[in-house]
PDB file of all heavy atoms in Angstrom:
ATOM      1  N   VAL A   1      66.980 153.609 186.690  1.00  0.00           N
ATOM      2  CA  VAL A   1      65.750 152.815 186.854  1.00  0.00           C
ATOM      3  C   VAL A   1      66.046 151.515 187.570  1.00  0.00           C
ATOM      4  O   VAL A   1      67.008 150.848 187.214  1.00  0.00           O
ATOM      5  CB  VAL A   1      65.055 152.551 185.467  1.00  0.00           C
ATOM      6  CG1 VAL A   1      63.881 151.581 185.633  1.00  0.00           C
ATOM      7  CG2 VAL A   1      64.582 153.848 184.845  1.00  0.00           C
ATOM      8  N   ASP A   2      65.198 151.145 188.540  1.00  0.00           N
ATOM      9  CA  ASP A   2      65.215 149.834 189.118  1.00  0.00           C
ATOM     10  C   ASP A   2      63.919 149.165 188.778  1.00  0.00           C
ATOM     11  O   ASP A   2      62.831 149.797 188.870  1.00  0.00           O
ATOM     12  CB  ASP A   2      65.289 149.964 190.663  1.00  0.00           C
ATOM     13  CG  ASP A   2      66.454 150.815 191.120  1.00  0.00           C
ATOM     14  OD1 ASP A   2      67.556 150.679 190.560  1.00  0.00           O
ATOM     15  OD2 ASP A   2      66.257 151.567 192.130  1.00  0.00           O
ATOM     16  N   VAL A   3      63.972 147.863 188.458  1.00  0.00           N
ATOM     17  CA  VAL A   3      62.757 147.073 188.278  1.00  0.00           C
ATOM     18  C   VAL A   3      62.821 145.820 189.117  1.00  0.00           C
ATOM     19  O   VAL A   3      63.899 145.243 189.246  1.00  0.00           O
ATOM     20  CB  VAL A   3      62.486 146.745 186.803  1.00  0.00           C
ATOM     21  CG1 VAL A   3      62.224 148.021 185.933  1.00  0.00           C
ATOM     22  CG2 VAL A   3      63.583 145.877 186.187  1.00  0.00           C
ATOM     23  N   VAL A   4      61.702 145.456 189.692  1.00  0.00           N
ATOM     24  CA  VAL A   4      61.570 144.202 190.398  1.00  0.00           C
ATOM     25  C   VAL A   4      60.347 143.530 189.752  1.00  0.00           C
ATOM     26  O   VAL A   4      59.309 144.136 189.639  1.00  0.00           O
ATOM     27  CB  VAL A   4      61.351 144.402 191.906  1.00  0.00           C
ATOM     28  CG1 VAL A   4      61.184 143.043 192.601  1.00  0.00           C
ATOM     29  CG2 VAL A   4      62.480 145.160 192.533  1.00  0.00           C
ATOM     30  N   LEU A   5      60.546 142.285 189.344  1.00  0.00           N
ATOM     31  CA  LEU A   5      59.521 141.575 188.558  1.00  0.00           C
ATOM     32  C   LEU A   5      59.074 140.367 189.333  1.00  0.00           C
ATOM     33  O   LEU A   5      59.906 139.593 189.807  1.00  0.00           O
ATOM     34  CB  LEU A   5      60.053 141.163 187.185  1.00  0.00           C
ATOM     35  CG  LEU A   5      60.654 142.293 186.383  1.00  0.00           C
ATOM     36  CD1 LEU A   5      61.228 141.703 185.089  1.00  0.00           C
ATOM     37  CD2 LEU A   5      59.615 143.373 186.052  1.00  0.00           C
ATOM     38  N   GLY A   6      57.732 140.119 189.324  1.00  0.00           N
ATOM     39  CA  GLY A   6      57.247 138.872 189.866  1.00  0.00           C
ATOM     40  C   GLY A   6      57.185 137.821 188.766  1.00  0.00           C
ATOM     41  O   GLY A   6      56.481 137.999 187.771  1.00  0.00           O
ATOM     42  N   VAL A   7      57.963 136.756 188.901  1.00  0.00           N
ATOM     43  CA  VAL A   7      58.134 135.740 187.892  1.00  0.00           C
ATOM     44  C   VAL A   7      58.074 134.380 188.526  1.00  0.00           C
ATOM     45  O   VAL A   7      58.717 134.153 189.588  1.00  0.00           O
ATOM     46  CB  VAL A   7      59.475 135.924 187.141  1.00  0.00           C
ATOM     47  CG1 VAL A   7      59.586 134.897 186.048  1.00  0.00           C
ATOM     48  CG2 VAL A   7      59.609 137.316 186.601  1.00  0.00           C
ATOM     49  N   ASP A   8      57.356 133.481 187.915  1.00  0.00           N
ATOM     50  CA  ASP A   8      57.425 132.032 188.376  1.00  0.00           C
ATOM     51  C   ASP A   8      58.555 131.418 187.627  1.00  0.00           C
ATOM     52  O   ASP A   8      58.442 131.147 186.404  1.00  0.00           O
ATOM     53  CB  ASP A   8      56.109 131.343 188.114  1.00  0.00           C
ATOM     54  CG  ASP A   8      56.055 129.938 188.589  1.00  0.00           C
ATOM     55  OD1 ASP A   8      57.118 129.404 188.978  1.00  0.00           O
ATOM     56  OD2 ASP A   8      54.949 129.379 188.657  1.00  0.00           O
ATOM     57  N   THR A   9      59.632 131.142 188.318  1.00  0.00           N
ATOM     58  CA  THR A   9      60.842 130.625 187.674  1.00  0.00           C
ATOM     59  C   THR A   9      60.993 129.094 187.761  1.00  0.00           C
ATOM     60  O   THR A   9      61.995 128.521 187.382  1.00  0.00           O
ATOM     61  CB  THR A   9      62.124 131.254 188.165  1.00  0.00           C
ATOM     62  OG1 THR A   9      62.242 130.899 189.577  1.00  0.00           O
ATOM     63  CG2 THR A   9      62.116 132.736 188.006  1.00  0.00           C
ATOM     64  N   ARG A  10      59.946 128.423 188.260  1.00  0.00           N
ATOM     65  CA  ARG A  10      60.025 126.939 188.402  1.00  0.00           C
ATOM     66  C   ARG A  10      60.326 126.220 187.115  1.00  0.00           C
ATOM     67  O   ARG A  10      61.181 125.350 187.053  1.00  0.00           O
ATOM     68  CB  ARG A  10      58.803 126.364 189.063  1.00  0.00           C
ATOM     69  CG  ARG A  10      58.649 126.772 190.561  1.00  0.00           C
ATOM     70  CD  ARG A  10      57.408 126.313 191.145  1.00  0.00           C
ATOM     71  NE  ARG A  10      56.319 127.096 190.656  1.00  0.00           N
ATOM     72  CZ  ARG A  10      55.105 127.142 191.154  1.00  0.00           C
ATOM     73  NH1 ARG A  10      54.765 126.299 192.144  1.00  0.00           N
ATOM     74  NH2 ARG A  10      54.196 127.901 190.617  1.00  0.00           N
ATOM     75  N   ALA A  11      59.687 126.605 186.014  1.00  0.00           N
ATOM     76  CA  ALA A  11      59.896 125.909 184.745  1.00  0.00           C
ATOM     77  C   ALA A  11      61.360 126.145 184.279  1.00  0.00           C
ATOM     78  O   ALA A  11      62.005 125.221 183.853  1.00  0.00           O
ATOM     79  CB  ALA A  11      58.907 126.394 183.702  1.00  0.00           C
ATOM     80  N   ALA A  12      61.828 127.394 184.398  1.00  0.00           N
ATOM     81  CA  ALA A  12      63.266 127.652 184.025  1.00  0.00           C
ATOM     82  C   ALA A  12      64.182 126.867 184.883  1.00  0.00           C
ATOM     83  O   ALA A  12      65.241 126.364 184.394  1.00  0.00           O
ATOM     84  CB  ALA A  12      63.504 129.130 184.115  1.00  0.00           C
ATOM     85  N   GLY A  13      63.901 126.758 186.196  1.00  0.00           N
ATOM     86  CA  GLY A  13      64.761 126.014 187.049  1.00  0.00           C
ATOM     87  C   GLY A  13      64.854 124.545 186.718  1.00  0.00           C
ATOM     88  O   GLY A  13      65.894 123.916 186.884  1.00  0.00           O
ATOM     89  N   ARG A  14      63.747 123.998 186.292  1.00  0.00           N
ATOM     90  CA  ARG A  14      63.658 122.585 185.937  1.00  0.00           C
ATOM     91  C   ARG A  14      64.345 122.303 184.544  1.00  0.00           C
ATOM     92  O   ARG A  14      65.028 121.347 184.412  1.00  0.00           O
ATOM     93  CB  ARG A  14      62.240 122.070 185.891  1.00  0.00           C
ATOM     94  CG  ARG A  14      61.616 121.810 187.220  1.00  0.00           C
ATOM     95  CD  ARG A  14      60.330 121.048 187.111  1.00  0.00           C
ATOM     96  NE  ARG A  14      59.278 121.812 186.279  1.00  0.00           N
ATOM     97  CZ  ARG A  14      58.446 122.663 186.829  1.00  0.00           C
ATOM     98  NH1 ARG A  14      58.431 122.940 188.117  1.00  0.00           N
ATOM     99  NH2 ARG A  14      57.587 123.252 186.077  1.00  0.00           N
ATOM    100  N   THR A  15      64.108 123.236 183.577  1.00  0.00           N
ATOM    101  CA  THR A  15      64.576 122.964 182.232  1.00  0.00           C
ATOM    102  C   THR A  15      65.931 123.576 181.885  1.00  0.00           C
ATOM    103  O   THR A  15      66.542 123.264 180.861  1.00  0.00           O
ATOM    104  CB  THR A  15      63.531 123.465 181.219  1.00  0.00           C
ATOM    105  OG1 THR A  15      63.453 124.926 181.293  1.00  0.00           O
ATOM    106  CG2 THR A  15      62.198 122.813 181.421  1.00  0.00           C
ATOM    107  N   ASP A  16      66.340 124.560 182.690  1.00  0.00           N
ATOM    108  CA  ASP A  16      67.557 125.325 182.410  1.00  0.00           C
ATOM    109  C   ASP A  16      67.465 126.024 181.051  1.00  0.00           C
ATOM    110  O   ASP A  16      68.475 126.186 180.363  1.00  0.00           O
ATOM    111  CB  ASP A  16      68.783 124.424 182.479  1.00  0.00           C
ATOM    112  CG  ASP A  16      70.103 125.192 182.661  1.00  0.00           C
ATOM    113  OD1 ASP A  16      70.051 126.281 183.322  1.00  0.00           O
ATOM    114  OD2 ASP A  16      71.165 124.695 182.207  1.00  0.00           O
ATOM    115  N   ASP A  17      66.250 126.515 180.699  1.00  0.00           N
ATOM    116  CA  ASP A  17      66.000 127.081 179.402  1.00  0.00           C
ATOM    117  C   ASP A  17      65.665 128.579 179.596  1.00  0.00           C
ATOM    118  O   ASP A  17      64.675 128.896 180.294  1.00  0.00           O
ATOM    119  CB  ASP A  17      64.809 126.366 178.814  1.00  0.00           C
ATOM    120  CG  ASP A  17      64.402 126.912 177.411  1.00  0.00           C
ATOM    121  OD1 ASP A  17      65.006 127.891 176.905  1.00  0.00           O
ATOM    122  OD2 ASP A  17      63.475 126.311 176.844  1.00  0.00           O
ATOM    123  N   LEU A  18      66.448 129.427 178.979  1.00  0.00           N
ATOM    124  CA  LEU A  18      66.213 130.868 179.020  1.00  0.00           C
ATOM    125  C   LEU A  18      64.844 131.288 178.517  1.00  0.00           C
ATOM    126  O   LEU A  18      64.268 132.240 179.019  1.00  0.00           O
ATOM    127  CB  LEU A  18      67.312 131.623 178.288  1.00  0.00           C
ATOM    128  CG  LEU A  18      67.265 133.110 178.250  1.00  0.00           C
ATOM    129  CD1 LEU A  18      67.351 133.729 179.676  1.00  0.00           C
ATOM    130  CD2 LEU A  18      68.380 133.704 177.384  1.00  0.00           C
ATOM    131  N   GLY A  19      64.329 130.476 177.619  1.00  0.00           N
ATOM    132  CA  GLY A  19      62.995 130.797 177.064  1.00  0.00           C
ATOM    133  C   GLY A  19      61.846 130.684 178.080  1.00  0.00           C
ATOM    134  O   GLY A  19      60.754 131.178 177.858  1.00  0.00           O
ATOM    135  N   GLU A  20      62.140 130.088 179.235  1.00  0.00           N
ATOM    136  CA  GLU A  20      61.159 129.903 180.276  1.00  0.00           C
ATOM    137  C   GLU A  20      61.142 131.036 181.329  1.00  0.00           C
ATOM    138  O   GLU A  20      60.417 130.999 182.298  1.00  0.00           O
ATOM    139  CB  GLU A  20      61.406 128.586 180.984  1.00  0.00           C
ATOM    140  CG  GLU A  20      61.253 127.332 180.124  1.00  0.00           C
ATOM    141  CD  GLU A  20      59.825 126.990 179.808  1.00  0.00           C
ATOM    142  OE1 GLU A  20      58.879 127.586 180.378  1.00  0.00           O
ATOM    143  OE2 GLU A  20      59.593 126.143 178.917  1.00  0.00           O
ATOM    144  N   THR A  21      61.993 132.014 181.146  1.00  0.00           N
ATOM    145  CA  THR A  21      62.124 133.113 182.143  1.00  0.00           C
ATOM    146  C   THR A  21      62.322 134.407 181.386  1.00  0.00           C
ATOM    147  O   THR A  21      62.136 134.516 180.181  1.00  0.00           O
ATOM    148  CB  THR A  21      63.251 132.826 183.134  1.00  0.00           C
ATOM    149  OG1 THR A  21      63.182 133.778 184.199  1.00  0.00           O
ATOM    150  CG2 THR A  21      64.601 132.762 182.534  1.00  0.00           C
ATOM    151  N   VAL A  22      62.792 135.405 182.105  1.00  0.00           N
ATOM    152  CA  VAL A  22      63.059 136.717 181.490  1.00  0.00           C
ATOM    153  C   VAL A  22      64.542 136.793 181.152  1.00  0.00           C
ATOM    154  O   VAL A  22      65.423 136.540 181.958  1.00  0.00           O
ATOM    155  CB  VAL A  22      62.740 137.876 182.544  1.00  0.00           C
ATOM    156  CG1 VAL A  22      63.143 139.185 181.965  1.00  0.00           C
ATOM    157  CG2 VAL A  22      61.262 137.833 182.874  1.00  0.00           C
ATOM    158  N   ASP A  23      64.828 137.196 179.900  1.00  0.00           N
ATOM    159  CA  ASP A  23      66.178 137.486 179.456  1.00  0.00           C
ATOM    160  C   ASP A  23      66.514 138.885 180.011  1.00  0.00           C
ATOM    161  O   ASP A  23      66.142 139.887 179.338  1.00  0.00           O
ATOM    162  CB  ASP A  23      66.295 137.391 177.921  1.00  0.00           C
ATOM    163  CG  ASP A  23      67.723 137.609 177.450  1.00  0.00           C
ATOM    164  OD1 ASP A  23      68.487 138.301 178.101  1.00  0.00           O
ATOM    165  OD2 ASP A  23      68.036 137.093 176.361  1.00  0.00           O
ATOM    166  N   TYR A  24      67.156 138.914 181.167  1.00  0.00           N
ATOM    167  CA  TYR A  24      67.318 140.257 181.781  1.00  0.00           C
ATOM    168  C   TYR A  24      68.332 141.126 181.035  1.00  0.00           C
ATOM    169  O   TYR A  24      68.246 142.315 181.131  1.00  0.00           O
ATOM    170  CB  TYR A  24      67.676 140.135 183.254  1.00  0.00           C
ATOM    171  CG  TYR A  24      68.804 139.216 183.582  1.00  0.00           C
ATOM    172  CD1 TYR A  24      70.160 139.604 183.463  1.00  0.00           C
ATOM    173  CD2 TYR A  24      68.563 137.950 184.095  1.00  0.00           C
ATOM    174  CE1 TYR A  24      71.164 138.788 183.769  1.00  0.00           C
ATOM    175  CE2 TYR A  24      69.635 137.109 184.455  1.00  0.00           C
ATOM    176  CZ  TYR A  24      70.913 137.490 184.244  1.00  0.00           C
ATOM    177  OH  TYR A  24      71.939 136.680 184.588  1.00  0.00           O
ATOM    178  N   GLY A  25      69.199 140.543 180.245  1.00  0.00           N
ATOM    179  CA  GLY A  25      70.059 141.386 179.408  1.00  0.00           C
ATOM    180  C   GLY A  25      69.347 142.115 178.352  1.00  0.00           C
ATOM    181  O   GLY A  25      69.512 143.315 178.176  1.00  0.00           O
ATOM    182  N   LEU A  26      68.373 141.425 177.684  1.00  0.00           N
ATOM    183  CA  LEU A  26      67.532 142.092 176.664  1.00  0.00           C
ATOM    184  C   LEU A  26      66.607 143.129 177.342  1.00  0.00           C
ATOM    185  O   LEU A  26      66.374 144.173 176.808  1.00  0.00           O
ATOM    186  CB  LEU A  26      66.745 141.080 175.860  1.00  0.00           C
ATOM    187  CG  LEU A  26      67.560 140.237 174.908  1.00  0.00           C
ATOM    188  CD1 LEU A  26      66.621 139.188 174.199  1.00  0.00           C
ATOM    189  CD2 LEU A  26      68.287 141.076 173.889  1.00  0.00           C
ATOM    190  N   LEU A  27      66.039 142.730 178.456  1.00  0.00           N
ATOM    191  CA  LEU A  27      65.129 143.636 179.166  1.00  0.00           C
ATOM    192  C   LEU A  27      65.880 144.950 179.613  1.00  0.00           C
ATOM    193  O   LEU A  27      65.348 146.065 179.450  1.00  0.00           O
ATOM    194  CB  LEU A  27      64.468 142.971 180.352  1.00  0.00           C
ATOM    195  CG  LEU A  27      63.505 143.859 181.148  1.00  0.00           C
ATOM    196  CD1 LEU A  27      62.336 144.292 180.202  1.00  0.00           C
ATOM    197  CD2 LEU A  27      62.950 143.150 182.328  1.00  0.00           C
ATOM    198  N   ALA A  28      67.065 144.784 180.079  1.00  0.00           N
ATOM    199  CA  ALA A  28      67.844 145.972 180.528  1.00  0.00           C
ATOM    200  C   ALA A  28      68.087 146.924 179.338  1.00  0.00           C
ATOM    201  O   ALA A  28      67.960 148.155 179.482  1.00  0.00           O
ATOM    202  CB  ALA A  28      69.190 145.568 181.168  1.00  0.00           C
ATOM    203  N   LYS A  29      68.392 146.366 178.164  1.00  0.00           N
ATOM    204  CA  LYS A  29      68.610 147.152 177.004  1.00  0.00           C
ATOM    205  C   LYS A  29      67.320 147.845 176.586  1.00  0.00           C
ATOM    206  O   LYS A  29      67.347 149.043 176.193  1.00  0.00           O
ATOM    207  CB  LYS A  29      69.104 146.302 175.846  1.00  0.00           C
ATOM    208  CG  LYS A  29      70.565 145.888 175.959  1.00  0.00           C
ATOM    209  CD  LYS A  29      70.978 145.029 174.812  1.00  0.00           C
ATOM    210  CE  LYS A  29      72.400 144.510 174.949  1.00  0.00           C
ATOM    211  NZ  LYS A  29      72.816 143.658 173.835  1.00  0.00           N
ATOM    212  N   ALA A  30      66.214 147.200 176.707  1.00  0.00           N
ATOM    213  CA  ALA A  30      64.882 147.747 176.336  1.00  0.00           C
ATOM    214  C   ALA A  30      64.531 148.880 177.330  1.00  0.00           C
ATOM    215  O   ALA A  30      63.958 149.932 176.909  1.00  0.00           O
ATOM    216  CB  ALA A  30      63.848 146.698 176.306  1.00  0.00           C
ATOM    217  N   VAL A  31      64.810 148.677 178.591  1.00  0.00           N
ATOM    218  CA  VAL A  31      64.543 149.769 179.577  1.00  0.00           C
ATOM    219  C   VAL A  31      65.383 150.965 179.268  1.00  0.00           C
ATOM    220  O   VAL A  31      64.903 152.089 179.295  1.00  0.00           O
ATOM    221  CB  VAL A  31      64.765 149.249 181.040  1.00  0.00           C
ATOM    222  CG1 VAL A  31      64.757 150.441 181.992  1.00  0.00           C
ATOM    223  CG2 VAL A  31      63.712 148.201 181.413  1.00  0.00           C
ATOM    224  N   LYS A  32      66.683 150.785 178.964  1.00  0.00           N
ATOM    225  CA  LYS A  32      67.591 151.869 178.652  1.00  0.00           C
ATOM    226  C   LYS A  32      67.050 152.629 177.423  1.00  0.00           C
ATOM    227  O   LYS A  32      67.010 153.845 177.358  1.00  0.00           O
ATOM    228  CB  LYS A  32      68.992 151.389 178.408  1.00  0.00           C
ATOM    229  CG  LYS A  32      70.010 152.479 178.117  1.00  0.00           C
ATOM    230  CD  LYS A  32      71.429 151.871 177.954  1.00  0.00           C
ATOM    231  CE  LYS A  32      72.527 152.933 177.891  1.00  0.00           C
ATOM    232  NZ  LYS A  32      72.454 153.779 176.705  1.00  0.00           N
ATOM    233  N   ALA A  33      66.619 151.834 176.441  1.00  0.00           N
ATOM    234  CA  ALA A  33      66.072 152.479 175.165  1.00  0.00           C
ATOM    235  C   ALA A  33      64.797 153.276 175.491  1.00  0.00           C
ATOM    236  O   ALA A  33      64.618 154.353 174.906  1.00  0.00           O
ATOM    237  CB  ALA A  33      65.785 151.379 174.140  1.00  0.00           C
ATOM    238  N   THR A  34      64.018 152.815 176.415  1.00  0.00           N
ATOM    239  CA  THR A  34      62.806 153.544 176.800  1.00  0.00           C
ATOM    240  C   THR A  34      63.241 154.865 177.508  1.00  0.00           C
ATOM    241  O   THR A  34      62.592 155.919 177.239  1.00  0.00           O
ATOM    242  CB  THR A  34      61.906 152.714 177.693  1.00  0.00           C
ATOM    243  OG1 THR A  34      61.574 151.470 177.008  1.00  0.00           O
ATOM    244  CG2 THR A  34      60.651 153.452 178.111  1.00  0.00           C
ATOM    245  N   ILE A  35      64.194 154.825 178.362  1.00  0.00           N
ATOM    246  CA  ILE A  35      64.675 156.060 179.005  1.00  0.00           C
ATOM    247  C   ILE A  35      65.151 157.061 177.939  1.00  0.00           C
ATOM    248  O   ILE A  35      64.825 158.240 178.060  1.00  0.00           O
ATOM    249  CB  ILE A  35      65.829 155.795 179.986  1.00  0.00           C
ATOM    250  CG1 ILE A  35      65.443 154.884 181.126  1.00  0.00           C
ATOM    251  CG2 ILE A  35      66.480 157.069 180.520  1.00  0.00           C
ATOM    252  CD1 ILE A  35      66.546 154.258 181.947  1.00  0.00           C
ATOM    253  N   GLU A  36      65.813 156.532 176.960  1.00  0.00           N
ATOM    254  CA  GLU A  36      66.422 157.419 175.944  1.00  0.00           C
ATOM    255  C   GLU A  36      65.487 157.749 174.757  1.00  0.00           C
ATOM    256  O   GLU A  36      65.920 158.418 173.805  1.00  0.00           O
ATOM    257  CB  GLU A  36      67.717 156.796 175.485  1.00  0.00           C
ATOM    258  CG  GLU A  36      68.740 156.694 176.608  1.00  0.00           C
ATOM    259  CD  GLU A  36      70.042 156.006 176.228  1.00  0.00           C
ATOM    260  OE1 GLU A  36      70.097 155.334 175.229  1.00  0.00           O
ATOM    261  OE2 GLU A  36      71.012 156.122 177.087  1.00  0.00           O
ATOM    262  N   SER A  37      64.289 157.288 174.789  1.00  0.00           N
ATOM    263  CA  SER A  37      63.335 157.500 173.683  1.00  0.00           C
ATOM    264  C   SER A  37      62.546 158.790 173.863  1.00  0.00           C
ATOM    265  O   SER A  37      62.954 159.707 174.601  1.00  0.00           O
ATOM    266  CB  SER A  37      62.433 156.276 173.513  1.00  0.00           C
ATOM    267  OG  SER A  37      61.527 156.188 174.603  1.00  0.00           O
ATOM    268  N   GLU A  38      61.414 158.840 173.256  1.00  0.00           N
ATOM    269  CA  GLU A  38      60.517 160.033 173.219  1.00  0.00           C
ATOM    270  C   GLU A  38      60.370 160.693 174.585  1.00  0.00           C
ATOM    271  O   GLU A  38      60.103 160.041 175.572  1.00  0.00           O
ATOM    272  CB  GLU A  38      59.176 159.577 172.708  1.00  0.00           C
ATOM    273  CG  GLU A  38      58.153 160.737 172.640  1.00  0.00           C
ATOM    274  CD  GLU A  38      56.809 160.217 172.242  1.00  0.00           C
ATOM    275  OE1 GLU A  38      56.660 159.062 171.858  1.00  0.00           O
ATOM    276  OE2 GLU A  38      55.882 161.053 172.285  1.00  0.00           O
ATOM    277  N   SER A  39      60.580 162.022 174.602  1.00  0.00           N
ATOM    278  CA  SER A  39      60.482 162.801 175.808  1.00  0.00           C
ATOM    279  C   SER A  39      59.066 162.818 176.391  1.00  0.00           C
ATOM    280  O   SER A  39      58.098 162.820 175.595  1.00  0.00           O
ATOM    281  CB  SER A  39      60.923 164.260 175.557  1.00  0.00           C
ATOM    282  OG  SER A  39      62.280 164.256 175.153  1.00  0.00           O
ATOM    283  N   VAL A  40      59.011 162.802 177.720  1.00  0.00           N
ATOM    284  CA  VAL A  40      57.725 162.988 178.436  1.00  0.00           C
ATOM    285  C   VAL A  40      57.916 164.049 179.468  1.00  0.00           C
ATOM    286  O   VAL A  40      59.056 164.383 179.870  1.00  0.00           O
ATOM    287  CB  VAL A  40      57.242 161.668 179.041  1.00  0.00           C
ATOM    288  CG1 VAL A  40      56.965 160.628 177.989  1.00  0.00           C
ATOM    289  CG2 VAL A  40      58.234 161.100 180.060  1.00  0.00           C
ATOM    290  N   ASN A  41      56.828 164.615 179.996  1.00  0.00           N
ATOM    291  CA  ASN A  41      56.901 165.595 180.997  1.00  0.00           C
ATOM    292  C   ASN A  41      57.233 165.003 182.376  1.00  0.00           C
ATOM    293  O   ASN A  41      57.986 165.547 183.155  1.00  0.00           O
ATOM    294  CB  ASN A  41      55.575 166.379 181.137  1.00  0.00           C
ATOM    295  CG  ASN A  41      55.341 167.308 179.991  1.00  0.00           C
ATOM    296  OD1 ASN A  41      56.250 167.801 179.370  1.00  0.00           O
ATOM    297  ND2 ASN A  41      54.059 167.503 179.652  1.00  0.00           N
ATOM    298  N   LEU A  42      56.598 163.886 182.671  1.00  0.00           N
ATOM    299  CA  LEU A  42      56.590 163.328 184.059  1.00  0.00           C
ATOM    300  C   LEU A  42      57.344 162.026 184.217  1.00  0.00           C
ATOM    301  O   LEU A  42      57.258 161.163 183.308  1.00  0.00           O
ATOM    302  CB  LEU A  42      55.164 163.116 184.537  1.00  0.00           C
ATOM    303  CG  LEU A  42      54.252 164.328 184.443  1.00  0.00           C
ATOM    304  CD1 LEU A  42      52.790 163.922 184.876  1.00  0.00           C
ATOM    305  CD2 LEU A  42      54.748 165.471 185.339  1.00  0.00           C
ATOM    306  N   VAL A  43      58.038 161.869 185.305  1.00  0.00           N
ATOM    307  CA  VAL A  43      58.685 160.583 185.636  1.00  0.00           C
ATOM    308  C   VAL A  43      57.618 159.514 185.829  1.00  0.00           C
ATOM    309  O   VAL A  43      57.891 158.347 185.573  1.00  0.00           O
ATOM    310  CB  VAL A  43      59.643 160.658 186.845  1.00  0.00           C
ATOM    311  CG1 VAL A  43      60.870 161.470 186.533  1.00  0.00           C
ATOM    312  CG2 VAL A  43      58.922 161.205 188.092  1.00  0.00           C
ATOM    313  N   GLU A  44      56.417 159.930 186.228  1.00  0.00           N
ATOM    314  CA  GLU A  44      55.323 158.936 186.351  1.00  0.00           C
ATOM    315  C   GLU A  44      54.964 158.330 185.010  1.00  0.00           C
ATOM    316  O   GLU A  44      54.711 157.077 184.899  1.00  0.00           O
ATOM    317  CB  GLU A  44      54.048 159.624 186.926  1.00  0.00           C
ATOM    318  CG  GLU A  44      54.181 160.063 188.360  1.00  0.00           C
ATOM    319  CD  GLU A  44      54.822 161.457 188.563  1.00  0.00           C
ATOM    320  OE1 GLU A  44      55.444 162.020 187.596  1.00  0.00           O
ATOM    321  OE2 GLU A  44      54.698 161.918 189.698  1.00  0.00           O
ATOM    322  N   THR A  45      55.014 159.108 183.957  1.00  0.00           N
ATOM    323  CA  THR A  45      54.758 158.583 182.597  1.00  0.00           C
ATOM    324  C   THR A  45      55.857 157.650 182.174  1.00  0.00           C
ATOM    325  O   THR A  45      55.623 156.571 181.567  1.00  0.00           O
ATOM    326  CB  THR A  45      54.589 159.728 181.635  1.00  0.00           C
ATOM    327  OG1 THR A  45      53.590 160.650 182.076  1.00  0.00           O
ATOM    328  CG2 THR A  45      54.228 159.257 180.217  1.00  0.00           C
ATOM    329  N   LEU A  46      57.099 158.052 182.389  1.00  0.00           N
ATOM    330  CA  LEU A  46      58.235 157.197 182.053  1.00  0.00           C
ATOM    331  C   LEU A  46      58.177 155.858 182.824  1.00  0.00           C
ATOM    332  O   LEU A  46      58.344 154.800 182.303  1.00  0.00           O
ATOM    333  CB  LEU A  46      59.573 157.899 182.378  1.00  0.00           C
ATOM    334  CG  LEU A  46      60.817 157.172 182.051  1.00  0.00           C
ATOM    335  CD1 LEU A  46      60.897 156.760 180.582  1.00  0.00           C
ATOM    336  CD2 LEU A  46      62.007 157.992 182.491  1.00  0.00           C
ATOM    337  N   ALA A  47      57.824 155.897 184.135  1.00  0.00           N
ATOM    338  CA  ALA A  47      57.665 154.669 184.933  1.00  0.00           C
ATOM    339  C   ALA A  47      56.543 153.772 184.331  1.00  0.00           C
ATOM    340  O   ALA A  47      56.725 152.551 184.274  1.00  0.00           O
ATOM    341  CB  ALA A  47      57.359 155.035 186.374  1.00  0.00           C
TER     342      ALA A  47
END
């Protein structure tokens, strides 16, 4: 899976605070868990 996200990172850039943006480490784990979770018929449903 590849994901590209539209994010306004100006606040994170100013504050240097992870809470102002996406924690991509946690998101990657959640995407992997979604791939490995309940079976579906179609890749469209998984996407």
